[in-house]
Each structure stands twice: as C-alpha cells, then as structure tokens.
Amino acid sequence: MIGTLILQAQGGGLNAFVLPLAMVAIIYFFMIRPQMNRQKKEKKFQAELKKGTRVITTSGIHGKIVDINSNDNTITIETGAGKIKFEKAAVSLELSKKYMKTPEKK
C-alpha cells in the first residue's frame, strides 16, 4: 500500500506541484487578502479622526474626542464620567448622524 502511494506521488509530478500552489492561492484570497483590506480601512479611519468626533471605543465607552496627540498616537475622549486617554487603535466606531437613528416625529 505504501509502495503504491509512493509510485502515485512520483508519477503525478505536475499534480504534486499544482495542488499545494492552489491551496496557497485559496488561503491568500480567502484569508490573508481580506484581512489586509480590513487593516488598511482601519488605519485610514484612525488617521481621519479629528476633534469633536463622537466615537465608541473597543471596550464600549462612548464619548467625544477632545484632544489628539500625534506624537504618541493617543487621543483624549470626554465621557460622562470625565476625560480618559486612549490609544488611537482603541477607537472602533464613529458615531455620526448617518449611523445614529433619530426618533421619528409624530
């Protein structure tokens, strides 16, 4: 049985090369590339943050950006409890008018 497998592997030289190559291509297009695109969007979002923007952090804290320190990539967010300093990477979502639902008038 093992001898048969060895003979089959030796006989299909092209198949033995194409199959691993196809697997690497599938992994790249379905796992690595989408992750790289998400990282690019996240960096762009963090670069476009500005004072006065209402945001939500990854820990779920809602607040408004009152200070941005580009030297050490930190921002200060004002919440109901006071001002808190975060890394820019901790901001996960912008709360703007297009995302917030306003109550309908009757």
PDB file of N, CA and C in Angstrom:
ATOM      1  N   MET A   1       0.820  -1.194   0.000  1.00  0.00           N
ATOM      2  CA  MET A   1       0.000   0.000   0.000  1.00  0.00           C
ATOM      3  C   MET A   1       0.868   1.263   0.000  1.00  0.00           C
ATOM      4  N   ILE A   2       1.891   1.286   0.837  1.00  0.00           N
ATOM      5  CA  ILE A   2       2.772   2.448   0.876  1.00  0.00           C
ATOM      6  C   ILE A   2       3.543   2.572  -0.428  1.00  0.00           C
ATOM      7  N   GLY A   3       3.931   1.439  -0.979  1.00  0.00           N
ATOM      8  CA  GLY A   3       4.636   1.449  -2.262  1.00  0.00           C
ATOM      9  C   GLY A   3       3.771   2.024  -3.365  1.00  0.00           C
ATOM     10  N   THR A   4       2.472   1.727  -3.343  1.00  0.00           N
ATOM     11  CA  THR A   4       1.541   2.264  -4.336  1.00  0.00           C
ATOM     12  C   THR A   4       1.441   3.774  -4.207  1.00  0.00           C
ATOM     13  N   LEU A   5       1.362   4.264  -2.991  1.00  0.00           N
ATOM     14  CA  LEU A   5       1.287   5.712  -2.766  1.00  0.00           C
ATOM     15  C   LEU A   5       2.545   6.423  -3.252  1.00  0.00           C
ATOM     16  N   ILE A   6       3.681   5.819  -3.029  1.00  0.00           N
ATOM     17  CA  ILE A   6       4.929   6.431  -3.467  1.00  0.00           C
ATOM     18  C   ILE A   6       4.985   6.479  -4.988  1.00  0.00           C
ATOM     19  N   LEU A   7       4.556   5.402  -5.636  1.00  0.00           N
ATOM     20  CA  LEU A   7       4.554   5.376  -7.102  1.00  0.00           C
ATOM     21  C   LEU A   7       3.575   6.407  -7.669  1.00  0.00           C
ATOM     22  N   GLN A   8       2.416   6.564  -7.020  1.00  0.00           N
ATOM     23  CA  GLN A   8       1.443   7.549  -7.488  1.00  0.00           C
ATOM     24  C   GLN A   8       1.985   8.962  -7.315  1.00  0.00           C
ATOM     25  N   ALA A   9       2.655   9.224  -6.233  1.00  0.00           N
ATOM     26  CA  ALA A   9       3.210  10.559  -5.985  1.00  0.00           C
ATOM     27  C   ALA A   9       4.327  10.870  -6.979  1.00  0.00           C
ATOM     28  N   GLN A  10       5.123   9.866  -7.314  1.00  0.00           N
ATOM     29  CA  GLN A  10       6.206  10.092  -8.260  1.00  0.00           C
ATOM     30  C   GLN A  10       5.671  10.269  -9.674  1.00  0.00           C
ATOM     31  N   GLY A  11       4.608   9.572 -10.009  1.00  0.00           N
ATOM     32  CA  GLY A  11       4.066   9.638 -11.355  1.00  0.00           C
ATOM     33  C   GLY A  11       3.350  10.945 -11.636  1.00  0.00           C
ATOM     34  N   GLY A  12       2.745  11.572 -10.675  1.00  0.00           N
ATOM     35  CA  GLY A  12       1.980  12.799 -10.896  1.00  0.00           C
ATOM     36  C   GLY A  12       2.772  14.018 -10.490  1.00  0.00           C
ATOM     37  N   GLY A  13       3.903  14.259 -11.112  1.00  0.00           N
ATOM     38  CA  GLY A  13       4.776  15.374 -10.752  1.00  0.00           C
ATOM     39  C   GLY A  13       4.104  16.731 -10.870  1.00  0.00           C
ATOM     40  N   LEU A  14       3.351  16.934 -11.937  1.00  0.00           N
ATOM     41  CA  LEU A  14       2.679  18.213 -12.135  1.00  0.00           C
ATOM     42  C   LEU A  14       1.566  18.408 -11.111  1.00  0.00           C
ATOM     43  N   ASN A  15       0.800  17.347 -10.850  1.00  0.00           N
ATOM     44  CA  ASN A  15      -0.271  17.436  -9.856  1.00  0.00           C
ATOM     45  C   ASN A  15       0.290  17.687  -8.461  1.00  0.00           C
ATOM     46  N   ALA A  16       1.420  17.094  -8.170  1.00  0.00           N
ATOM     47  CA  ALA A  16       2.031  17.274  -6.858  1.00  0.00           C
ATOM     48  C   ALA A  16       2.500  18.714  -6.665  1.00  0.00           C
ATOM     49  N   PHE A  17       2.737  19.417  -7.761  1.00  0.00           N
ATOM     50  CA  PHE A  17       3.166  20.818  -7.671  1.00  0.00           C
ATOM     51  C   PHE A  17       1.976  21.769  -7.693  1.00  0.00           C
ATOM     52  N   VAL A  18       0.961  21.457  -8.483  1.00  0.00           N
ATOM     53  CA  VAL A  18      -0.186  22.350  -8.657  1.00  0.00           C
ATOM     54  C   VAL A  18      -1.081  22.373  -7.424  1.00  0.00           C
ATOM     55  N   LEU A  19      -1.316  21.236  -6.804  1.00  0.00           N
ATOM     56  CA  LEU A  19      -2.221  21.172  -5.658  1.00  0.00           C
ATOM     57  C   LEU A  19      -1.766  22.063  -4.491  1.00  0.00           C
ATOM     58  N   PRO A  20      -0.522  21.989  -4.040  1.00  0.00           N
ATOM     59  CA  PRO A  20      -0.103  22.901  -2.959  1.00  0.00           C
ATOM     60  C   PRO A  20      -0.138  24.373  -3.378  1.00  0.00           C
ATOM     61  N   LEU A  21       0.183  24.638  -4.636  1.00  0.00           N
ATOM     62  CA  LEU A  21       0.126  26.006  -5.131  1.00  0.00           C
ATOM     63  C   LEU A  21      -1.307  26.536  -5.114  1.00  0.00           C
ATOM     64  N   ALA A  22      -2.250  25.693  -5.521  1.00  0.00           N
ATOM     65  CA  ALA A  22      -3.667  26.084  -5.485  1.00  0.00           C
ATOM     66  C   ALA A  22      -4.136  26.312  -4.053  1.00  0.00           C
ATOM     67  N   MET A  23      -3.675  25.504  -3.127  1.00  0.00           N
ATOM     68  CA  MET A  23      -4.067  25.669  -1.725  1.00  0.00           C
ATOM     69  C   MET A  23      -3.549  26.992  -1.169  1.00  0.00           C
ATOM     70  N   VAL A  24      -2.332  27.349  -1.509  1.00  0.00           N
ATOM     71  CA  VAL A  24      -1.759  28.622  -1.053  1.00  0.00           C
ATOM     72  C   VAL A  24      -2.537  29.784  -1.647  1.00  0.00           C
ATOM     73  N   ALA A  25      -2.925  29.676  -2.930  1.00  0.00           N
ATOM     74  CA  ALA A  25      -3.699  30.738  -3.572  1.00  0.00           C
ATOM     75  C   ALA A  25      -5.063  30.896  -2.907  1.00  0.00           C
ATOM     76  N   ILE A  26      -5.705  29.794  -2.581  1.00  0.00           N
ATOM     77  CA  ILE A  26      -7.010  29.851  -1.918  1.00  0.00           C
ATOM     78  C   ILE A  26      -6.878  30.502  -0.548  1.00  0.00           C
ATOM     79  N   ILE A  27      -5.887  30.117   0.209  1.00  0.00           N
ATOM     80  CA  ILE A  27      -5.673  30.710   1.537  1.00  0.00           C
ATOM     81  C   ILE A  27      -5.416  32.204   1.411  1.00  0.00           C
ATOM     82  N   TYR A  28      -4.631  32.605   0.414  1.00  0.00           N
ATOM     83  CA  TYR A  28      -4.335  34.021   0.226  1.00  0.00           C
ATOM     84  C   TYR A  28      -5.604  34.803  -0.075  1.00  0.00           C
ATOM     85  N   PHE A  29      -6.403  34.351  -1.045  1.00  0.00           N
ATOM     86  CA  PHE A  29      -7.561  35.128  -1.477  1.00  0.00           C
ATOM     87  C   PHE A  29      -8.730  35.093  -0.498  1.00  0.00           C
ATOM     88  N   PHE A  30      -8.830  34.070   0.329  1.00  0.00           N
ATOM     89  CA  PHE A  30      -9.951  33.987   1.252  1.00  0.00           C
ATOM     90  C   PHE A  30      -9.612  34.370   2.684  1.00  0.00           C
ATOM     91  N   MET A  31      -8.324  34.426   3.031  1.00  0.00           N
ATOM     92  CA  MET A  31      -7.969  34.749   4.415  1.00  0.00           C
ATOM     93  C   MET A  31      -7.039  35.951   4.528  1.00  0.00           C
ATOM     94  N   ILE A  32      -5.940  35.935   3.832  1.00  0.00           N
ATOM     95  CA  ILE A  32      -4.912  36.963   4.008  1.00  0.00           C
ATOM     96  C   ILE A  32      -5.329  38.280   3.372  1.00  0.00           C
ATOM     97  N   ARG A  33      -5.794  38.251   2.138  1.00  0.00           N
ATOM     98  CA  ARG A  33      -6.144  39.486   1.431  1.00  0.00           C
ATOM     99  C   ARG A  33      -7.285  40.260   2.109  1.00  0.00           C
ATOM    100  N   PRO A  34      -8.386  39.595   2.519  1.00  0.00           N
ATOM    101  CA  PRO A  34      -9.440  40.348   3.218  1.00  0.00           C
ATOM    102  C   PRO A  34      -8.950  40.975   4.523  1.00  0.00           C
ATOM    103  N   GLN A  35      -8.074  40.285   5.243  1.00  0.00           N
ATOM    104  CA  GLN A  35      -7.532  40.829   6.483  1.00  0.00           C
ATOM    105  C   GLN A  35      -6.687  42.066   6.202  1.00  0.00           C
ATOM    106  N   MET A  36      -5.902  42.044   5.131  1.00  0.00           N
ATOM    107  CA  MET A  36      -5.089  43.205   4.775  1.00  0.00           C
ATOM    108  C   MET A  36      -5.981  44.390   4.409  1.00  0.00           C
ATOM    109  N   ASN A  37      -7.079  44.142   3.702  1.00  0.00           N
ATOM    110  CA  ASN A  37      -8.010  45.216   3.353  1.00  0.00           C
ATOM    111  C   ASN A  37      -8.646  45.819   4.600  1.00  0.00           C
ATOM    112  N   ARG A  38      -9.030  44.971   5.566  1.00  0.00           N
ATOM    113  CA  ARG A  38      -9.593  45.481   6.822  1.00  0.00           C
ATOM    114  C   ARG A  38      -8.588  46.345   7.574  1.00  0.00           C
ATOM    115  N   GLN A  39      -7.323  45.931   7.586  1.00  0.00           N
ATOM    116  CA  GLN A  39      -6.293  46.703   8.266  1.00  0.00           C
ATOM    117  C   GLN A  39      -6.091  48.056   7.599  1.00  0.00           C
ATOM    118  N   LYS A  40      -6.133  48.110   6.266  1.00  0.00           N
ATOM    119  CA  LYS A  40      -5.993  49.379   5.554  1.00  0.00           C
ATOM    120  C   LYS A  40      -7.146  50.319   5.898  1.00  0.00           C
ATOM    121  N   LYS A  41      -8.374  49.799   5.917  1.00  0.00           N
ATOM    122  CA  LYS A  41      -9.539  50.625   6.254  1.00  0.00           C
ATOM    123  C   LYS A  41      -9.444  51.144   7.681  1.00  0.00           C
ATOM    124  N   GLU A  42      -8.985  50.295   8.595  1.00  0.00           N
ATOM    125  CA  GLU A  42      -8.852  50.695   9.992  1.00  0.00           C
ATOM    126  C   GLU A  42      -7.799  51.796  10.150  1.00  0.00           C
ATOM    127  N   LYS A  43      -6.665  51.673   9.478  1.00  0.00           N
ATOM    128  CA  LYS A  43      -5.628  52.717   9.554  1.00  0.00           C
ATOM    129  C   LYS A  43      -6.136  54.024   8.975  1.00  0.00           C
ATOM    130  N   LYS A  44      -6.872  53.951   7.876  1.00  0.00           N
ATOM    131  CA  LYS A  44      -7.431  55.157   7.263  1.00  0.00           C
ATOM    132  C   LYS A  44      -8.429  55.815   8.209  1.00  0.00           C
ATOM    133  N   PHE A  45      -9.285  55.008   8.841  1.00  0.00           N
ATOM    134  CA  PHE A  45     -10.252  55.531   9.801  1.00  0.00           C
ATOM    135  C   PHE A  45      -9.549  56.229  10.963  1.00  0.00           C
ATOM    136  N   GLN A  46      -8.513  55.606  11.495  1.00  0.00           N
ATOM    137  CA  GLN A  46      -7.789  56.191  12.628  1.00  0.00           C
ATOM    138  C   GLN A  46      -7.060  57.459  12.215  1.00  0.00           C
ATOM    139  N   ALA A  47      -6.575  57.531  10.998  1.00  0.00           N
ATOM    140  CA  ALA A  47      -5.870  58.731  10.532  1.00  0.00           C
ATOM    141  C   ALA A  47      -6.834  59.896  10.331  1.00  0.00           C
ATOM    142  N   GLU A  48      -8.098  59.614  10.041  1.00  0.00           N
ATOM    143  CA  GLU A  48      -9.079  60.662   9.776  1.00  0.00           C
ATOM    144  C   GLU A  48      -9.816  61.142  11.028  1.00  0.00           C
ATOM    145  N   LEU A  49      -9.475  60.596  12.198  1.00  0.00           N
ATOM    146  CA  LEU A  49     -10.126  61.056  13.429  1.00  0.00           C
ATOM    147  C   LEU A  49      -9.774  62.511  13.684  1.00  0.00           C
ATOM    148  N   LYS A  50     -10.753  63.281  14.172  1.00  0.00           N
ATOM    149  CA  LYS A  50     -10.498  64.689  14.466  1.00  0.00           C
ATOM    150  C   LYS A  50     -11.268  65.089  15.716  1.00  0.00           C
ATOM    151  N   LYS A  51     -10.916  66.243  16.244  1.00  0.00           N
ATOM    152  CA  LYS A  51     -11.558  66.744  17.464  1.00  0.00           C
ATOM    153  C   LYS A  51     -13.043  66.949  17.223  1.00  0.00           C
ATOM    154  N   GLY A  52     -13.817  66.645  18.249  1.00  0.00           N
ATOM    155  CA  GLY A  52     -15.257  66.839  18.177  1.00  0.00           C
ATOM    156  C   GLY A  52     -16.018  65.635  17.658  1.00  0.00           C
ATOM    157  N   THR A  53     -15.325  64.632  17.168  1.00  0.00           N
ATOM    158  CA  THR A  53     -15.984  63.439  16.643  1.00  0.00           C
ATOM    159  C   THR A  53     -16.468  62.574  17.800  1.00  0.00           C
ATOM    160  N   ARG A  54     -17.705  62.113  17.710  1.00  0.00           N
ATOM    161  CA  ARG A  54     -18.248  61.198  18.715  1.00  0.00           C
ATOM    162  C   ARG A  54     -17.882  59.782  18.306  1.00  0.00           C
ATOM    163  N   VAL A  55     -17.308  59.020  19.238  1.00  0.00           N
ATOM    164  CA  VAL A  55     -16.791  57.691  18.923  1.00  0.00           C
ATOM    165  C   VAL A  55     -17.181  56.679  19.996  1.00  0.00           C
ATOM    166  N   ILE A  56     -16.992  55.407  19.640  1.00  0.00           N
ATOM    167  CA  ILE A  56     -17.114  54.300  20.595  1.00  0.00           C
ATOM    168  C   ILE A  56     -15.778  53.571  20.584  1.00  0.00           C
ATOM    169  N   THR A  57     -15.270  53.242  21.755  1.00  0.00           N
ATOM    170  CA  THR A  57     -14.008  52.509  21.848  1.00  0.00           C
ATOM    171  C   THR A  57     -14.274  51.011  21.766  1.00  0.00           C
ATOM    172  N   THR A  58     -13.217  50.236  21.644  1.00  0.00           N
ATOM    173  CA  THR A  58     -13.358  48.784  21.581  1.00  0.00           C
ATOM    174  C   THR A  58     -13.911  48.218  22.886  1.00  0.00           C
ATOM    175  N   SER A  59     -13.744  48.940  23.978  1.00  0.00           N
ATOM    176  CA  SER A  59     -14.278  48.487  25.253  1.00  0.00           C
ATOM    177  C   SER A  59     -15.716  48.949  25.480  1.00  0.00           C
ATOM    178  N   GLY A  60     -16.284  49.680  24.505  1.00  0.00           N
ATOM    179  CA  GLY A  60     -17.685  50.071  24.585  1.00  0.00           C
ATOM    180  C   GLY A  60     -17.932  51.427  25.206  1.00  0.00           C
ATOM    181  N   ILE A  61     -16.905  52.225  25.428  1.00  0.00           N
ATOM    182  CA  ILE A  61     -17.067  53.546  26.031  1.00  0.00           C
ATOM    183  C   ILE A  61     -17.433  54.554  24.951  1.00  0.00           C
ATOM    184  N   HIS A  62     -18.507  55.293  25.181  1.00  0.00           N
ATOM    185  CA  HIS A  62     -18.957  56.329  24.250  1.00  0.00           C
ATOM    186  C   HIS A  62     -18.410  57.663  24.708  1.00  0.00           C
ATOM    187  N   GLY A  63     -18.000  58.501  23.760  1.00  0.00           N
ATOM    188  CA  GLY A  63     -17.503  59.818  24.126  1.00  0.00           C
ATOM    189  C   GLY A  63     -17.179  60.659  22.916  1.00  0.00           C
ATOM    190  N   LYS A  64     -16.648  61.842  23.206  1.00  0.00           N
ATOM    191  CA  LYS A  64     -16.285  62.793  22.162  1.00  0.00           C
ATOM    192  C   LYS A  64     -14.792  63.063  22.260  1.00  0.00           C
ATOM    193  N   ILE A  65     -14.119  63.100  21.110  1.00  0.00           N
ATOM    194  CA  ILE A  65     -12.677  63.355  21.091  1.00  0.00           C
ATOM    195  C   ILE A  65     -12.446  64.832  21.395  1.00  0.00           C
ATOM    196  N   VAL A  66     -11.625  65.103  22.432  1.00  0.00           N
ATOM    197  CA  VAL A  66     -11.314  66.486  22.790  1.00  0.00           C
ATOM    198  C   VAL A  66      -9.857  66.837  22.517  1.00  0.00           C
ATOM    199  N   ASP A  67      -8.995  65.828  22.353  1.00  0.00           N
ATOM    200  CA  ASP A  67      -7.586  66.100  22.085  1.00  0.00           C
ATOM    201  C   ASP A  67      -6.981  64.916  21.338  1.00  0.00           C
ATOM    202  N   ILE A  68      -6.129  65.228  20.353  1.00  0.00           N
ATOM    203  CA  ILE A  68      -5.410  64.196  19.607  1.00  0.00           C
ATOM    204  C   ILE A  68      -3.927  64.502  19.702  1.00  0.00           C
ATOM    205  N   ASN A  69      -3.161  63.535  20.206  1.00  0.00           N
ATOM    206  CA  ASN A  69      -1.718  63.688  20.329  1.00  0.00           C
ATOM    207  C   ASN A  69      -1.063  62.777  19.302  1.00  0.00           C
ATOM    208  N   SER A  70      -0.567  63.353  18.226  1.00  0.00           N
ATOM    209  CA  SER A  70       0.013  62.542  17.148  1.00  0.00           C
ATOM    210  C   SER A  70       1.412  62.028  17.493  1.00  0.00           C
ATOM    211  N   ASN A  71       2.052  62.582  18.510  1.00  0.00           N
ATOM    212  CA  ASN A  71       3.398  62.126  18.875  1.00  0.00           C
ATOM    213  C   ASN A  71       3.393  60.702  19.398  1.00  0.00           C
ATOM    214  N   ASP A  72       2.424  60.383  20.257  1.00  0.00           N
ATOM    215  CA  ASP A  72       2.380  59.036  20.829  1.00  0.00           C
ATOM    216  C   ASP A  72       1.096  58.290  20.472  1.00  0.00           C
ATOM    217  N   ASN A  73       0.391  58.746  19.425  1.00  0.00           N
ATOM    218  CA  ASN A  73      -0.812  58.090  18.920  1.00  0.00           C
ATOM    219  C   ASN A  73      -1.883  57.889  19.993  1.00  0.00           C
ATOM    220  N   THR A  74      -2.094  58.898  20.820  1.00  0.00           N
ATOM    221  CA  THR A  74      -3.151  58.822  21.819  1.00  0.00           C
ATOM    222  C   THR A  74      -4.200  59.885  21.549  1.00  0.00           C
ATOM    223  N   ILE A  75      -5.380  59.638  22.057  1.00  0.00           N
ATOM    224  CA  ILE A  75      -6.463  60.615  21.994  1.00  0.00           C
ATOM    225  C   ILE A  75      -7.088  60.719  23.370  1.00  0.00           C
ATOM    226  N   THR A  76      -7.666  61.867  23.659  1.00  0.00           N
ATOM    227  CA  THR A  76      -8.388  62.060  24.905  1.00  0.00           C
ATOM    228  C   THR A  76      -9.860  62.133  24.563  1.00  0.00           C
ATOM    229  N   ILE A  77     -10.642  61.288  25.236  1.00  0.00           N
ATOM    230  CA  ILE A  77     -12.079  61.221  24.995  1.00  0.00           C
ATOM    231  C   ILE A  77     -12.805  61.709  26.235  1.00  0.00           C
ATOM    232  N   GLU A  78     -13.770  62.600  26.017  1.00  0.00           N
ATOM    233  CA  GLU A  78     -14.583  63.098  27.110  1.00  0.00           C
ATOM    234  C   GLU A  78     -15.843  62.245  27.194  1.00  0.00           C
ATOM    235  N   THR A  79     -16.043  61.659  28.363  1.00  0.00           N
ATOM    236  CA  THR A  79     -17.221  60.835  28.610  1.00  0.00           C
ATOM    237  C   THR A  79     -18.056  61.504  29.690  1.00  0.00           C
ATOM    238  N   GLY A  80     -19.142  60.863  30.064  1.00  0.00           N
ATOM    239  CA  GLY A  80     -19.970  61.390  31.143  1.00  0.00           C
ATOM    240  C   GLY A  80     -19.238  61.410  32.473  1.00  0.00           C
ATOM    241  N   ALA A  81     -18.249  60.552  32.634  1.00  0.00           N
ATOM    242  CA  ALA A  81     -17.507  60.456  33.888  1.00  0.00           C
ATOM    243  C   ALA A  81     -16.262  61.333  33.914  1.00  0.00           C
ATOM    244  N   GLY A  82     -15.891  61.908  32.795  1.00  0.00           N
ATOM    245  CA  GLY A  82     -14.687  62.738  32.734  1.00  0.00           C
ATOM    246  C   GLY A  82     -13.900  62.461  31.476  1.00  0.00           C
ATOM    247  N   LYS A  83     -12.627  62.872  31.503  1.00  0.00           N
ATOM    248  CA  LYS A  83     -11.772  62.687  30.328  1.00  0.00           C
ATOM    249  C   LYS A  83     -10.880  61.469  30.533  1.00  0.00           C
ATOM    250  N   ILE A  84     -10.768  60.666  29.471  1.00  0.00           N
ATOM    251  CA  ILE A  84      -9.969  59.444  29.520  1.00  0.00           C
ATOM    252  C   ILE A  84      -9.036  59.434  28.317  1.00  0.00           C
ATOM    253  N   LYS A  85      -7.789  59.005  28.542  1.00  0.00           N
ATOM    254  CA  LYS A  85      -6.800  58.944  27.467  1.00  0.00           C
ATOM    255  C   LYS A  85      -6.744  57.514  26.918  1.00  0.00           C
ATOM    256  N   PHE A  86      -6.822  57.371  25.581  1.00  0.00           N
ATOM    257  CA  PHE A  86      -6.797  56.082  24.907  1.00  0.00           C
ATOM    258  C   PHE A  86      -5.778  56.092  23.787  1.00  0.00           C
ATOM    259  N   GLU A  87      -5.383  54.907  23.350  1.00  0.00           N
ATOM    260  CA  GLU A  87      -4.629  54.755  22.108  1.00  0.00           C
ATOM    261  C   GLU A  87      -5.609  54.941  20.957  1.00  0.00           C
ATOM    262  N   LYS A  88      -5.116  55.453  19.832  1.00  0.00           N
ATOM    263  CA  LYS A  88      -5.979  55.599  18.662  1.00  0.00           C
ATOM    264  C   LYS A  88      -6.547  54.256  18.217  1.00  0.00           C
ATOM    265  N   ALA A  89      -5.780  53.211  18.402  1.00  0.00           N
ATOM    266  CA  ALA A  89      -6.218  51.875  17.987  1.00  0.00           C
ATOM    267  C   ALA A  89      -7.418  51.387  18.789  1.00  0.00           C
ATOM    268  N   ALA A  90      -7.702  52.015  19.930  1.00  0.00           N
ATOM    269  CA  ALA A  90      -8.823  51.589  20.756  1.00  0.00           C
ATOM    270  C   ALA A  90     -10.159  52.132  20.254  1.00  0.00           C
ATOM    271  N   VAL A  91     -10.133  53.046  19.294  1.00  0.00           N
ATOM    272  CA  VAL A  91     -11.369  53.592  18.747  1.00  0.00           C
ATOM    273  C   VAL A  91     -11.862  52.641  17.667  1.00  0.00           C
ATOM    274  N   SER A  92     -13.116  52.188  17.812  1.00  0.00           N
ATOM    275  CA  SER A  92     -13.603  51.204  16.857  1.00  0.00           C
ATOM    276  C   SER A  92     -14.690  51.717  15.935  1.00  0.00           C
ATOM    277  N   LEU A  93     -15.417  52.761  16.334  1.00  0.00           N
ATOM    278  CA  LEU A  93     -16.559  53.191  15.540  1.00  0.00           C
ATOM    279  C   LEU A  93     -16.814  54.669  15.744  1.00  0.00           C
ATOM    280  N   GLU A  94     -17.221  55.341  14.682  1.00  0.00           N
ATOM    281  CA  GLU A  94     -17.587  56.751  14.761  1.00  0.00           C
ATOM    282  C   GLU A  94     -19.103  56.839  14.884  1.00  0.00           C
ATOM    283  N   LEU A  95     -19.551  57.640  15.820  1.00  0.00           N
ATOM    284  CA  LEU A  95     -20.984  57.877  15.974  1.00  0.00           C
ATOM    285  C   LEU A  95     -21.319  59.185  15.279  1.00  0.00           C
ATOM    286  N   SER A  96     -21.779  59.102  14.088  1.00  0.00           N
ATOM    287  CA  SER A  96     -22.155  60.315  13.373  1.00  0.00           C
ATOM    288  C   SER A  96     -23.645  60.272  13.095  1.00  0.00           C
ATOM    289  N   LYS A  97     -24.150  61.319  12.511  1.00  0.00           N
ATOM    290  CA  LYS A  97     -25.583  61.412  12.264  1.00  0.00           C
ATOM    291  C   LYS A  97     -26.069  60.327  11.317  1.00  0.00           C
ATOM    292  N   LYS A  98     -25.232  59.895  10.388  1.00  0.00           N
ATOM    293  CA  LYS A  98     -25.679  58.880   9.438  1.00  0.00           C
ATOM    294  C   LYS A  98     -25.822  57.507  10.089  1.00  0.00           C
ATOM    295  N   TYR A  99     -25.136  57.278  11.230  1.00  0.00           N
ATOM    296  CA  TYR A  99     -25.233  55.995  11.913  1.00  0.00           C
ATOM    297  C   TYR A  99     -26.265  56.006  13.033  1.00  0.00           C
ATOM    298  N   MET A 100     -26.531  57.166  13.573  1.00  0.00           N
ATOM    299  CA  MET A 100     -27.453  57.258  14.697  1.00  0.00           C
ATOM    300  C   MET A 100     -28.881  57.410  14.180  1.00  0.00           C
ATOM    301  N   LYS A 101     -29.793  56.662  14.775  1.00  0.00           N
ATOM    302  CA  LYS A 101     -31.191  56.787  14.407  1.00  0.00           C
ATOM    303  C   LYS A 101     -31.826  57.854  15.275  1.00  0.00           C
ATOM    304  N   THR A 102     -32.540  58.748  14.645  1.00  0.00           N
ATOM    305  CA  THR A 102     -33.245  59.780  15.400  1.00  0.00           C
ATOM    306  C   THR A 102     -34.692  59.370  15.537  1.00  0.00           C
ATOM    307  N   PRO A 103     -35.307  59.699  16.644  1.00  0.00           N
ATOM    308  CA  PRO A 103     -36.712  59.312  16.827  1.00  0.00           C
ATOM    309  C   PRO A 103     -37.596  60.031  15.817  1.00  0.00           C
ATOM    310  N   GLU A 104     -38.588  59.314  15.329  1.00  0.00           N
ATOM    311  CA  GLU A 104     -39.484  59.896  14.356  1.00  0.00           C
ATOM    312  C   GLU A 104     -40.463  60.840  15.033  1.00  0.00           C
ATOM    313  N   LYS A 105     -40.789  61.930  14.341  1.00  0.00           N
ATOM    314  CA  LYS A 105     -41.733  62.906  14.873  1.00  0.00           C
ATOM    315  C   LYS A 105     -43.137  62.434  14.565  1.00  0.00           C
ATOM    316  N   LYS A 106     -44.031  62.604  15.536  1.00  0.00           N
ATOM    317  CA  LYS A 106     -45.435  62.199  15.328  1.00  0.00           C
ATOM    318  C   LYS A 106     -46.298  63.390  15.079  1.00  0.00           C
TER     319      LYS A 106
END
